[in-house]
Amino acid sequence: MNLRDELPVDHRLTLVYRIGAAGCGVLLLAFGCLGFTNELGFFSTEGARVAGLSTNGLLSLVSLVVGAVLVVAACVGGNVASTVNMVVGGLFVLSGFVNLFLIGKSANLLDFSMSNVIFSFVMGLLILTFGMYGRVTGGLPHDNPYWRRRHPEQAAREDARAGAVHRSPATALTRR
């Protein structure tokens, strides 16, 4: 299965993927810009706070890069935005776990505090949700393009059955 072929370009789910990627990307870009305007040291771990989160120059740079990736994915849209949302969301959750164990240690290069860890978990789950929306579940409706792509034979049978029912006037009369 090729991810880029699963969803038609004009499908209504692309709007969800784009909104999620753009919204979260703009939020991260704003956080990164605020960090740079405070002229923080690149590897500083002195506890400078921006928007309630501890930060330094490196975290501001990472936020700008990830925010830009999300905004570009939103501009591209479709499966690209969905896939980028899932990958970035997963990385945020993973970052939350890793940085949870690094709090108070010299290896805490991004100057994470507990509020950053919680933000990382929440943001990661939010981005993941936007990326997986309508794409990952056990109960997708049969008109969902992802379900149709995963079950082409059954989708063809259902389309043929629906076409036969609509073409036959005798069936239409007996169904009433």
N, C-alpha and C. Protein backbone atom coordinates (compact mmCIF):
# COMPACT_ATOMS: atom_id res chain seq x y z
N MET A 1 0.85 -1.17 0.00
CA MET A 1 0.00 0.00 0.00
C MET A 1 0.90 1.24 0.00
N ASN A 2 0.59 2.17 -0.85
CA ASN A 2 1.35 3.40 -0.94
C ASN A 2 0.54 4.52 -0.28
N LEU A 3 1.10 5.15 0.76
CA LEU A 3 0.36 6.14 1.54
C LEU A 3 -0.16 7.30 0.71
N ARG A 4 0.57 7.74 -0.28
CA ARG A 4 0.14 8.91 -1.02
C ARG A 4 -1.05 8.64 -1.94
N ASP A 5 -1.33 7.36 -2.21
CA ASP A 5 -2.44 7.02 -3.09
C ASP A 5 -3.73 6.71 -2.34
N GLU A 6 -3.71 6.68 -1.04
CA GLU A 6 -4.88 6.24 -0.29
C GLU A 6 -6.03 7.22 -0.30
N LEU A 7 -5.78 8.49 -0.33
CA LEU A 7 -6.82 9.48 -0.15
C LEU A 7 -6.90 10.40 -1.36
N PRO A 8 -8.09 10.58 -1.91
CA PRO A 8 -8.20 11.52 -3.03
C PRO A 8 -7.80 12.93 -2.58
N VAL A 9 -7.25 13.70 -3.50
CA VAL A 9 -6.73 15.02 -3.18
C VAL A 9 -7.84 15.94 -2.66
N ASP A 10 -9.05 15.78 -3.18
CA ASP A 10 -10.13 16.69 -2.81
C ASP A 10 -11.03 16.13 -1.71
N HIS A 11 -10.59 15.13 -0.99
CA HIS A 11 -11.43 14.54 0.06
C HIS A 11 -11.55 15.49 1.24
N ARG A 12 -12.70 15.44 1.93
CA ARG A 12 -12.98 16.39 3.02
C ARG A 12 -12.05 16.23 4.21
N LEU A 13 -11.42 15.07 4.39
CA LEU A 13 -10.51 14.88 5.52
C LEU A 13 -9.23 15.70 5.39
N THR A 14 -8.89 16.10 4.18
CA THR A 14 -7.66 16.89 4.02
C THR A 14 -7.75 18.21 4.78
N LEU A 15 -8.95 18.73 4.93
CA LEU A 15 -9.12 19.97 5.68
C LEU A 15 -8.75 19.77 7.16
N VAL A 16 -9.12 18.63 7.73
CA VAL A 16 -8.78 18.33 9.12
C VAL A 16 -7.27 18.23 9.28
N TYR A 17 -6.61 17.53 8.35
CA TYR A 17 -5.15 17.38 8.43
C TYR A 17 -4.46 18.74 8.31
N ARG A 18 -4.95 19.57 7.39
CA ARG A 18 -4.35 20.89 7.18
C ARG A 18 -4.54 21.80 8.39
N ILE A 19 -5.74 21.83 8.93
CA ILE A 19 -6.01 22.69 10.09
C ILE A 19 -5.15 22.28 11.27
N GLY A 20 -5.05 20.98 11.50
CA GLY A 20 -4.24 20.48 12.61
C GLY A 20 -2.77 20.84 12.45
N ALA A 21 -2.23 20.59 11.27
CA ALA A 21 -0.82 20.88 11.03
C ALA A 21 -0.55 22.38 11.11
N ALA A 22 -1.41 23.18 10.49
CA ALA A 22 -1.19 24.63 10.48
C ALA A 22 -1.33 25.23 11.88
N GLY A 23 -2.36 24.84 12.60
CA GLY A 23 -2.58 25.39 13.94
C GLY A 23 -1.44 25.07 14.89
N CYS A 24 -1.05 23.81 14.93
CA CYS A 24 0.04 23.41 15.83
C CYS A 24 1.37 24.00 15.36
N GLY A 25 1.56 24.08 14.04
CA GLY A 25 2.79 24.66 13.51
C GLY A 25 2.93 26.14 13.85
N VAL A 26 1.85 26.88 13.73
CA VAL A 26 1.89 28.31 14.06
C VAL A 26 2.16 28.50 15.55
N LEU A 27 1.57 27.67 16.38
CA LEU A 27 1.81 27.74 17.83
C LEU A 27 3.30 27.51 18.14
N LEU A 28 3.89 26.52 17.50
CA LEU A 28 5.32 26.24 17.72
C LEU A 28 6.21 27.35 17.15
N LEU A 29 5.82 27.90 16.02
CA LEU A 29 6.58 29.02 15.46
C LEU A 29 6.55 30.22 16.40
N ALA A 30 5.40 30.49 16.97
CA ALA A 30 5.28 31.61 17.92
C ALA A 30 6.16 31.38 19.15
N PHE A 31 6.14 30.17 19.68
CA PHE A 31 6.97 29.85 20.85
C PHE A 31 8.45 30.01 20.51
N GLY A 32 8.86 29.50 19.35
CA GLY A 32 10.26 29.63 18.94
C GLY A 32 10.68 31.08 18.76
N CYS A 33 9.82 31.88 18.15
CA CYS A 33 10.13 33.30 17.95
C CYS A 33 10.23 34.03 19.29
N LEU A 34 9.32 33.73 20.21
CA LEU A 34 9.39 34.36 21.54
C LEU A 34 10.69 33.99 22.26
N GLY A 35 11.12 32.75 22.08
CA GLY A 35 12.38 32.34 22.69
C GLY A 35 13.57 33.11 22.14
N PHE A 36 13.58 33.34 20.83
CA PHE A 36 14.69 34.09 20.23
C PHE A 36 14.64 35.57 20.57
N THR A 37 13.45 36.12 20.75
CA THR A 37 13.38 37.55 21.09
C THR A 37 13.90 37.82 22.49
N ASN A 38 13.92 36.81 23.36
CA ASN A 38 14.46 36.98 24.71
C ASN A 38 15.98 36.82 24.76
N GLU A 39 16.60 36.58 23.61
CA GLU A 39 18.06 36.44 23.49
C GLU A 39 18.62 35.47 24.52
N LEU A 40 18.07 34.27 24.53
CA LEU A 40 18.52 33.23 25.45
C LEU A 40 19.79 32.57 24.94
N GLY A 41 20.59 32.07 25.86
CA GLY A 41 21.77 31.32 25.46
C GLY A 41 21.36 30.03 24.77
N PHE A 42 22.17 29.58 23.81
CA PHE A 42 21.81 28.43 23.00
C PHE A 42 21.67 27.16 23.84
N PHE A 43 22.60 26.92 24.75
CA PHE A 43 22.55 25.74 25.61
C PHE A 43 22.31 26.12 27.07
N SER A 44 21.73 27.26 27.31
CA SER A 44 21.50 27.73 28.67
C SER A 44 20.49 26.83 29.40
N THR A 45 20.79 26.54 30.64
CA THR A 45 19.85 25.77 31.46
C THR A 45 19.52 26.54 32.74
N GLU A 46 19.46 27.85 32.62
CA GLU A 46 19.21 28.71 33.78
C GLU A 46 17.74 28.86 34.12
N GLY A 47 16.86 28.25 33.36
CA GLY A 47 15.44 28.30 33.68
C GLY A 47 14.71 29.50 33.15
N ALA A 48 15.14 30.08 32.02
CA ALA A 48 14.40 31.18 31.40
C ALA A 48 13.05 30.65 30.94
N ARG A 49 12.00 31.45 31.16
CA ARG A 49 10.65 30.98 30.84
C ARG A 49 10.03 31.85 29.75
N VAL A 50 9.36 31.19 28.83
CA VAL A 50 8.60 31.85 27.77
C VAL A 50 7.25 31.15 27.70
N ALA A 51 6.19 31.91 27.84
CA ALA A 51 4.82 31.38 27.78
C ALA A 51 4.61 30.24 28.78
N GLY A 52 5.23 30.35 29.93
CA GLY A 52 5.06 29.35 30.98
C GLY A 52 5.93 28.12 30.85
N LEU A 53 6.75 28.06 29.81
CA LEU A 53 7.63 26.91 29.58
C LEU A 53 9.08 27.34 29.67
N SER A 54 9.93 26.49 30.24
CA SER A 54 11.35 26.81 30.26
C SER A 54 11.91 26.57 28.86
N THR A 55 12.86 27.40 28.49
CA THR A 55 13.39 27.30 27.13
C THR A 55 14.82 27.82 27.08
N ASN A 56 15.45 27.54 25.97
CA ASN A 56 16.76 28.10 25.64
C ASN A 56 16.83 28.26 24.12
N GLY A 57 17.95 28.68 23.61
CA GLY A 57 18.08 28.91 22.18
C GLY A 57 17.89 27.64 21.35
N LEU A 58 18.39 26.52 21.85
CA LEU A 58 18.27 25.27 21.11
C LEU A 58 16.80 24.83 21.01
N LEU A 59 16.07 24.93 22.12
CA LEU A 59 14.65 24.56 22.08
C LEU A 59 13.87 25.51 21.18
N SER A 60 14.24 26.78 21.18
CA SER A 60 13.58 27.73 20.28
C SER A 60 13.83 27.38 18.82
N LEU A 61 15.06 26.99 18.51
CA LEU A 61 15.39 26.59 17.14
C LEU A 61 14.63 25.32 16.75
N VAL A 62 14.59 24.33 17.62
CA VAL A 62 13.85 23.09 17.35
C VAL A 62 12.37 23.40 17.13
N SER A 63 11.82 24.30 17.95
CA SER A 63 10.41 24.67 17.81
C SER A 63 10.15 25.35 16.47
N LEU A 64 11.06 26.22 16.04
CA LEU A 64 10.90 26.88 14.74
C LEU A 64 10.96 25.87 13.59
N VAL A 65 11.89 24.94 13.64
CA VAL A 65 12.04 23.95 12.56
C VAL A 65 10.81 23.05 12.50
N VAL A 66 10.38 22.52 13.64
CA VAL A 66 9.22 21.62 13.66
C VAL A 66 7.96 22.39 13.26
N GLY A 67 7.81 23.63 13.74
CA GLY A 67 6.66 24.45 13.33
C GLY A 67 6.65 24.69 11.84
N ALA A 68 7.81 24.97 11.26
CA ALA A 68 7.90 25.19 9.81
C ALA A 68 7.54 23.92 9.04
N VAL A 69 8.00 22.77 9.52
CA VAL A 69 7.66 21.49 8.87
C VAL A 69 6.15 21.28 8.87
N LEU A 70 5.51 21.57 10.00
CA LEU A 70 4.06 21.40 10.09
C LEU A 70 3.31 22.37 9.17
N VAL A 71 3.78 23.61 9.10
CA VAL A 71 3.11 24.59 8.23
C VAL A 71 3.29 24.21 6.76
N VAL A 72 4.47 23.74 6.38
CA VAL A 72 4.70 23.29 5.00
C VAL A 72 3.80 22.09 4.70
N ALA A 73 3.68 21.16 5.64
CA ALA A 73 2.80 19.99 5.44
C ALA A 73 1.36 20.45 5.28
N ALA A 74 0.95 21.46 6.02
CA ALA A 74 -0.41 21.99 5.89
C ALA A 74 -0.62 22.59 4.50
N CYS A 75 0.40 23.25 3.98
CA CYS A 75 0.29 23.83 2.63
C CYS A 75 0.18 22.74 1.57
N VAL A 76 0.92 21.66 1.74
CA VAL A 76 0.86 20.55 0.79
C VAL A 76 -0.48 19.83 0.93
N GLY A 77 -0.89 19.56 2.17
CA GLY A 77 -2.19 18.95 2.44
C GLY A 77 -2.23 17.47 2.17
N GLY A 78 -3.43 16.91 2.17
CA GLY A 78 -3.66 15.50 1.85
C GLY A 78 -2.94 14.55 2.77
N ASN A 79 -2.49 13.45 2.19
CA ASN A 79 -1.81 12.42 2.96
C ASN A 79 -0.48 12.90 3.52
N VAL A 80 0.14 13.87 2.87
CA VAL A 80 1.40 14.40 3.39
C VAL A 80 1.17 15.03 4.75
N ALA A 81 0.13 15.86 4.86
CA ALA A 81 -0.17 16.51 6.14
C ALA A 81 -0.53 15.47 7.19
N SER A 82 -1.30 14.46 6.82
CA SER A 82 -1.68 13.42 7.76
C SER A 82 -0.46 12.65 8.26
N THR A 83 0.39 12.24 7.34
CA THR A 83 1.57 11.46 7.71
C THR A 83 2.54 12.29 8.54
N VAL A 84 2.76 13.54 8.15
CA VAL A 84 3.66 14.41 8.92
C VAL A 84 3.09 14.63 10.33
N ASN A 85 1.78 14.82 10.43
CA ASN A 85 1.16 14.97 11.75
C ASN A 85 1.40 13.74 12.61
N MET A 86 1.25 12.55 12.04
CA MET A 86 1.46 11.33 12.83
C MET A 86 2.91 11.18 13.26
N VAL A 87 3.83 11.47 12.38
CA VAL A 87 5.26 11.35 12.72
C VAL A 87 5.66 12.38 13.77
N VAL A 88 5.29 13.63 13.55
CA VAL A 88 5.66 14.69 14.49
C VAL A 88 4.98 14.46 15.84
N GLY A 89 3.72 14.06 15.83
CA GLY A 89 3.02 13.77 17.08
C GLY A 89 3.69 12.66 17.86
N GLY A 90 4.08 11.61 17.16
CA GLY A 90 4.79 10.51 17.82
C GLY A 90 6.13 10.96 18.39
N LEU A 91 6.83 11.82 17.66
CA LEU A 91 8.11 12.34 18.16
C LEU A 91 7.92 13.23 19.38
N PHE A 92 6.84 13.99 19.42
CA PHE A 92 6.55 14.81 20.59
C PHE A 92 6.32 13.94 21.82
N VAL A 93 5.53 12.88 21.67
CA VAL A 93 5.27 11.99 22.80
C VAL A 93 6.57 11.32 23.25
N LEU A 94 7.35 10.85 22.30
CA LEU A 94 8.65 10.24 22.63
C LEU A 94 9.56 11.24 23.33
N SER A 95 9.57 12.48 22.84
CA SER A 95 10.37 13.52 23.47
C SER A 95 9.92 13.77 24.91
N GLY A 96 8.63 13.72 25.14
CA GLY A 96 8.13 13.89 26.49
C GLY A 96 8.68 12.84 27.43
N PHE A 97 8.68 11.57 26.98
CA PHE A 97 9.20 10.50 27.82
C PHE A 97 10.70 10.64 28.06
N VAL A 98 11.45 10.92 26.99
CA VAL A 98 12.90 11.05 27.12
C VAL A 98 13.25 12.21 28.05
N ASN A 99 12.62 13.36 27.82
CA ASN A 99 12.95 14.53 28.63
C ASN A 99 12.43 14.43 30.05
N LEU A 100 11.45 13.61 30.30
CA LEU A 100 11.00 13.36 31.66
C LEU A 100 12.12 12.77 32.49
N PHE A 101 12.88 11.88 31.88
CA PHE A 101 14.00 11.25 32.59
C PHE A 101 15.24 12.13 32.64
N LEU A 102 15.28 13.16 31.79
CA LEU A 102 16.46 14.04 31.76
C LEU A 102 16.33 15.27 32.66
N ILE A 103 15.15 15.50 33.24
CA ILE A 103 14.96 16.67 34.10
C ILE A 103 15.94 16.60 35.28
N GLY A 104 16.66 17.68 35.49
CA GLY A 104 17.61 17.76 36.59
C GLY A 104 18.97 17.14 36.31
N LYS A 105 19.18 16.66 35.10
CA LYS A 105 20.47 16.06 34.74
C LYS A 105 21.21 16.98 33.77
N SER A 106 22.51 16.78 33.67
CA SER A 106 23.31 17.64 32.79
C SER A 106 23.01 17.39 31.31
N ALA A 107 22.41 16.26 30.99
CA ALA A 107 22.08 15.95 29.60
C ALA A 107 20.81 16.65 29.13
N ASN A 108 20.18 17.44 29.97
CA ASN A 108 18.95 18.15 29.63
C ASN A 108 19.30 19.38 28.79
N LEU A 109 19.70 19.18 27.55
CA LEU A 109 20.16 20.25 26.68
C LEU A 109 19.05 21.20 26.27
N LEU A 110 17.81 20.74 26.25
CA LEU A 110 16.69 21.59 25.84
C LEU A 110 16.07 22.34 27.01
N ASP A 111 16.63 22.18 28.21
CA ASP A 111 16.15 22.85 29.42
C ASP A 111 14.68 22.55 29.69
N PHE A 112 14.30 21.28 29.55
CA PHE A 112 12.92 20.87 29.82
C PHE A 112 12.64 20.89 31.32
N SER A 113 11.44 21.34 31.66
CA SER A 113 10.93 21.23 33.02
C SER A 113 9.68 20.36 32.94
N MET A 114 9.03 20.14 34.07
CA MET A 114 7.83 19.30 34.05
C MET A 114 6.73 19.92 33.19
N SER A 115 6.62 21.24 33.17
CA SER A 115 5.60 21.87 32.31
C SER A 115 5.89 21.61 30.83
N ASN A 116 7.17 21.57 30.46
CA ASN A 116 7.53 21.24 29.07
C ASN A 116 7.15 19.80 28.73
N VAL A 117 7.36 18.90 29.68
CA VAL A 117 7.03 17.49 29.45
C VAL A 117 5.53 17.34 29.23
N ILE A 118 4.74 18.00 30.09
CA ILE A 118 3.29 17.92 29.95
C ILE A 118 2.86 18.54 28.62
N PHE A 119 3.45 19.68 28.26
CA PHE A 119 3.15 20.31 26.97
C PHE A 119 3.51 19.37 25.83
N SER A 120 4.63 18.70 25.92
CA SER A 120 5.06 17.78 24.88
C SER A 120 4.07 16.62 24.71
N PHE A 121 3.59 16.08 25.82
CA PHE A 121 2.59 15.01 25.75
C PHE A 121 1.28 15.51 25.14
N VAL A 122 0.80 16.65 25.62
CA VAL A 122 -0.48 17.18 25.14
C VAL A 122 -0.38 17.55 23.66
N MET A 123 0.67 18.26 23.30
CA MET A 123 0.85 18.66 21.89
C MET A 123 1.02 17.43 21.00
N GLY A 124 1.78 16.45 21.46
CA GLY A 124 1.97 15.23 20.68
C GLY A 124 0.67 14.49 20.45
N LEU A 125 -0.13 14.35 21.49
CA LEU A 125 -1.41 13.66 21.33
C LEU A 125 -2.37 14.45 20.44
N LEU A 126 -2.34 15.77 20.54
CA LEU A 126 -3.18 16.60 19.68
C LEU A 126 -2.78 16.45 18.21
N ILE A 127 -1.50 16.54 17.94
CA ILE A 127 -1.02 16.42 16.56
C ILE A 127 -1.30 15.01 16.03
N LEU A 128 -1.07 13.99 16.86
CA LEU A 128 -1.38 12.62 16.46
C LEU A 128 -2.86 12.45 16.12
N THR A 129 -3.72 13.04 16.94
CA THR A 129 -5.15 12.94 16.69
C THR A 129 -5.52 13.57 15.36
N PHE A 130 -4.97 14.74 15.07
CA PHE A 130 -5.23 15.36 13.78
C PHE A 130 -4.73 14.49 12.63
N GLY A 131 -3.58 13.86 12.80
CA GLY A 131 -3.03 13.04 11.72
C GLY A 131 -3.78 11.74 11.51
N MET A 132 -4.30 11.16 12.57
CA MET A 132 -4.97 9.86 12.47
C MET A 132 -6.47 9.97 12.22
N TYR A 133 -7.01 11.16 12.30
CA TYR A 133 -8.44 11.34 12.20
C TYR A 133 -8.98 10.75 10.89
N GLY A 134 -9.92 9.85 11.00
CA GLY A 134 -10.54 9.24 9.83
C GLY A 134 -9.65 8.28 9.09
N ARG A 135 -8.49 7.99 9.63
CA ARG A 135 -7.52 7.16 8.92
C ARG A 135 -7.20 5.89 9.68
N VAL A 136 -7.18 5.95 10.99
CA VAL A 136 -6.76 4.82 11.80
C VAL A 136 -7.86 4.47 12.78
N THR A 137 -8.53 3.38 12.55
CA THR A 137 -9.52 2.85 13.47
C THR A 137 -9.96 1.49 12.96
N GLY A 138 -10.55 0.73 13.81
CA GLY A 138 -11.03 -0.58 13.40
C GLY A 138 -12.40 -0.52 12.77
N GLY A 139 -13.12 0.57 12.93
CA GLY A 139 -14.49 0.64 12.44
C GLY A 139 -14.73 1.73 11.43
N LEU A 140 -13.88 1.83 10.42
CA LEU A 140 -14.08 2.85 9.40
C LEU A 140 -15.34 2.52 8.60
N PRO A 141 -16.15 3.54 8.27
CA PRO A 141 -17.32 3.28 7.44
C PRO A 141 -16.88 2.87 6.03
N HIS A 142 -17.75 2.18 5.34
CA HIS A 142 -17.38 1.64 4.04
C HIS A 142 -17.24 2.69 2.95
N ASP A 143 -17.68 3.91 3.19
CA ASP A 143 -17.47 4.96 2.20
C ASP A 143 -16.18 5.75 2.46
N ASN A 144 -15.45 5.40 3.53
CA ASN A 144 -14.18 6.05 3.84
C ASN A 144 -13.13 5.62 2.82
N PRO A 145 -12.38 6.57 2.24
CA PRO A 145 -11.40 6.20 1.21
C PRO A 145 -10.30 5.27 1.72
N TYR A 146 -9.97 5.35 3.02
CA TYR A 146 -8.95 4.45 3.55
C TYR A 146 -9.49 3.02 3.61
N TRP A 147 -10.74 2.86 4.03
CA TRP A 147 -11.34 1.53 4.07
C TRP A 147 -11.42 0.96 2.66
N ARG A 148 -11.84 1.79 1.70
CA ARG A 148 -11.99 1.34 0.31
C ARG A 148 -10.63 0.93 -0.26
N ARG A 149 -9.58 1.62 0.11
CA ARG A 149 -8.24 1.30 -0.38
C ARG A 149 -7.74 -0.02 0.22
N ARG A 150 -8.10 -0.27 1.48
CA ARG A 150 -7.64 -1.49 2.15
C ARG A 150 -8.47 -2.71 1.76
N HIS A 151 -9.70 -2.51 1.27
CA HIS A 151 -10.60 -3.61 0.93
C HIS A 151 -11.16 -3.39 -0.48
N PRO A 152 -10.31 -3.41 -1.52
CA PRO A 152 -10.81 -3.07 -2.86
C PRO A 152 -11.82 -4.07 -3.42
N GLU A 153 -11.66 -5.37 -3.12
CA GLU A 153 -12.60 -6.36 -3.66
C GLU A 153 -13.99 -6.16 -3.06
N GLN A 154 -14.05 -6.01 -1.75
CA GLN A 154 -15.35 -5.83 -1.11
C GLN A 154 -15.98 -4.50 -1.52
N ALA A 155 -15.18 -3.46 -1.69
CA ALA A 155 -15.70 -2.17 -2.12
C ALA A 155 -16.29 -2.29 -3.53
N ALA A 156 -15.61 -3.03 -4.40
CA ALA A 156 -16.12 -3.23 -5.76
C ALA A 156 -17.43 -4.00 -5.74
N ARG A 157 -17.51 -5.04 -4.88
CA ARG A 157 -18.76 -5.80 -4.77
C ARG A 157 -19.89 -4.92 -4.27
N GLU A 158 -19.61 -4.09 -3.27
CA GLU A 158 -20.65 -3.20 -2.74
C GLU A 158 -21.07 -2.16 -3.77
N ASP A 159 -20.11 -1.66 -4.54
CA ASP A 159 -20.45 -0.70 -5.60
C ASP A 159 -21.31 -1.36 -6.67
N ALA A 160 -20.95 -2.59 -7.04
CA ALA A 160 -21.72 -3.32 -8.04
C ALA A 160 -23.14 -3.60 -7.53
N ARG A 161 -23.24 -4.01 -6.28
CA ARG A 161 -24.55 -4.28 -5.68
C ARG A 161 -25.39 -3.00 -5.63
N ALA A 162 -24.77 -1.91 -5.23
CA ALA A 162 -25.50 -0.64 -5.16
C ALA A 162 -25.91 -0.17 -6.54
N GLY A 163 -25.06 -0.38 -7.53
CA GLY A 163 -25.39 -0.01 -8.91
C GLY A 163 -26.52 -0.85 -9.46
N ALA A 164 -26.54 -2.15 -9.13
CA ALA A 164 -27.59 -3.04 -9.61
C ALA A 164 -28.92 -2.67 -8.97
N VAL A 165 -28.91 -2.30 -7.73
CA VAL A 165 -30.14 -1.93 -7.04
C VAL A 165 -30.70 -0.63 -7.63
N HIS A 166 -29.82 0.31 -7.93
CA HIS A 166 -30.27 1.59 -8.48
C HIS A 166 -30.75 1.45 -9.92
N ARG A 167 -30.21 0.48 -10.68
CA ARG A 167 -30.58 0.32 -12.09
C ARG A 167 -31.87 -0.46 -12.27
N SER A 168 -32.21 -1.34 -11.35
CA SER A 168 -33.35 -2.22 -11.52
C SER A 168 -34.62 -1.60 -10.95
N PRO A 169 -35.60 -1.22 -11.82
CA PRO A 169 -36.83 -0.65 -11.30
C PRO A 169 -37.67 -1.66 -10.53
N ALA A 170 -37.58 -2.94 -10.87
CA ALA A 170 -38.34 -3.96 -10.16
C ALA A 170 -37.89 -4.08 -8.72
N THR A 171 -36.56 -3.97 -8.51
CA THR A 171 -36.05 -4.04 -7.13
C THR A 171 -36.47 -2.81 -6.35
N ALA A 172 -36.50 -1.67 -7.01
CA ALA A 172 -36.90 -0.45 -6.32
C ALA A 172 -38.35 -0.54 -5.86
N LEU A 173 -39.22 -1.18 -6.69
CA LEU A 173 -40.63 -1.33 -6.31
C LEU A 173 -40.81 -2.33 -5.17
N THR A 174 -40.04 -3.41 -5.18
CA THR A 174 -40.20 -4.43 -4.14
C THR A 174 -39.60 -3.97 -2.82
N ARG A 175 -38.69 -3.06 -2.85
CA ARG A 175 -38.05 -2.59 -1.62
C ARG A 175 -38.94 -1.61 -0.88
N ARG A 176 -39.92 -1.01 -1.54
CA ARG A 176 -40.75 0.01 -0.90
C ARG A 176 -41.73 -0.62 -0.04
